[in-house]
């Protein structure tokens, strides 16, 4: 849980300070997994990871155009396979 997480009745402000992972930490955590294992991401929809939305990894972007190619990589995610309803506003 995040630092000082709020409930739906609470209106207090709190500082959320997650610790970003490095590429090395990700590589280490993937050791031992089968090469064909699907990589999914559960994206926090609230600070502190109290609610999640499942996404599947579809790529990796190394944003050289942002002058941070050696210091940042962005995992690209998409909705999991399944049937979805598209509303007229989309």
Protein backbone atom coordinates (compact mmCIF):
# COMPACT_ATOMS: atom_id res chain seq x y z
CA UNK A 1 0.00 0.00 0.00
CA UNK A 2 1.10 3.58 -0.56
CA UNK A 3 2.13 5.96 2.17
CA UNK A 4 -0.97 7.33 3.85
CA UNK A 5 -3.44 5.75 1.40
CA UNK A 6 -6.89 7.35 1.33
CA UNK A 7 -10.27 5.71 1.52
CA UNK A 8 -13.18 6.83 -0.63
CA UNK A 9 -14.52 8.89 2.31
CA UNK A 10 -11.17 10.60 2.97
CA UNK A 11 -10.10 13.87 1.37
CA UNK A 12 -6.63 14.10 2.94
CA UNK A 13 -3.62 14.81 0.73
CA UNK A 14 -0.73 12.36 0.92
CA UNK A 15 2.70 11.90 -0.63
CA UNK A 16 3.00 8.84 -2.87
CA UNK A 17 6.66 7.92 -3.50
CA UNK A 18 7.07 4.65 -5.41
CA UNK A 19 10.55 3.27 -6.03
CA UNK A 20 11.07 2.82 -9.80
CA UNK A 21 12.74 -0.41 -10.89
CA UNK A 22 15.90 -0.51 -12.94
CA UNK A 23 16.46 -2.67 -16.01
CA UNK A 24 18.76 -4.82 -13.89
CA UNK A 25 16.03 -5.47 -11.32
CA UNK A 26 13.61 -6.43 -14.09
CA UNK A 27 16.13 -8.79 -15.69
CA UNK A 28 16.83 -10.44 -12.34
CA UNK A 29 13.13 -10.91 -11.62
CA UNK A 30 12.60 -12.58 -15.02
CA UNK A 31 15.33 -15.20 -14.45
CA UNK A 32 14.00 -18.73 -14.61
CA UNK A 33 10.85 -17.91 -16.54
CA UNK A 34 10.23 -19.82 -19.75
CA UNK A 35 11.10 -17.69 -22.83
CA UNK A 36 7.52 -18.11 -24.11
CA UNK A 37 5.93 -16.85 -20.86
CA UNK A 38 3.53 -13.98 -21.49
CA UNK A 39 4.45 -10.74 -19.77
CA UNK A 40 1.49 -8.80 -18.39
CA UNK A 41 1.41 -5.56 -16.46
CA UNK A 42 -1.08 -4.67 -13.77
CA UNK A 43 -1.27 -0.89 -13.98
CA UNK A 44 -2.19 0.87 -10.74
CA UNK A 45 -5.27 3.00 -11.23
CA UNK A 46 -4.77 4.67 -7.85
CA UNK A 47 -1.60 5.70 -6.02
CA UNK A 48 -0.39 2.94 -3.74
CA UNK A 49 -1.62 0.12 -5.97
CA UNK A 50 -5.02 -0.25 -4.32
CA UNK A 51 -6.76 -0.81 -7.66
CA UNK A 52 -5.36 -2.45 -10.77
CA UNK A 53 -6.02 -2.68 -14.49
CA UNK A 54 -4.51 -5.59 -16.40
CA UNK A 55 -2.47 -4.82 -19.52
CA UNK A 56 -0.29 -7.07 -21.69
CA UNK A 57 3.18 -6.05 -22.83
CA UNK A 58 3.37 -5.46 -26.59
CA UNK A 59 6.76 -3.79 -26.90
CA UNK A 60 9.53 -1.67 -25.50
CA UNK A 61 10.34 1.88 -26.52
CA UNK A 62 13.80 3.31 -25.99
CA UNK A 63 13.13 7.03 -26.53
CA UNK A 64 16.38 8.18 -28.15
CA UNK A 65 14.55 11.29 -29.33
CA UNK A 66 14.19 12.38 -25.70
CA UNK A 67 17.97 12.27 -25.13
CA UNK A 68 17.58 9.61 -22.46
CA UNK A 69 18.29 6.44 -24.46
CA UNK A 70 20.73 5.03 -21.91
CA UNK A 71 18.66 5.96 -18.86
CA UNK A 72 15.08 5.10 -19.72
CA UNK A 73 13.00 2.45 -21.42
CA UNK A 74 9.21 2.51 -21.63
CA UNK A 75 7.23 -0.73 -21.58
CA UNK A 76 4.33 -0.52 -24.04
CA UNK A 77 1.12 -2.18 -22.91
CA UNK A 78 -2.28 -2.92 -24.39
CA UNK A 79 -5.55 -4.36 -23.12
CA UNK A 80 -5.64 -8.17 -22.77
CA UNK A 81 -7.20 -10.26 -25.54
CA UNK A 82 -10.97 -10.43 -25.25
CA UNK A 83 -14.25 -8.95 -26.41
CA UNK A 84 -14.77 -5.24 -25.77
CA UNK A 85 -17.68 -2.84 -26.30
CA UNK A 86 -16.72 0.36 -28.13
CA UNK A 87 -18.98 3.28 -27.33
CA UNK A 88 -19.82 6.01 -29.86
CA UNK A 89 -17.55 8.52 -28.05
CA UNK A 90 -14.44 6.38 -28.68
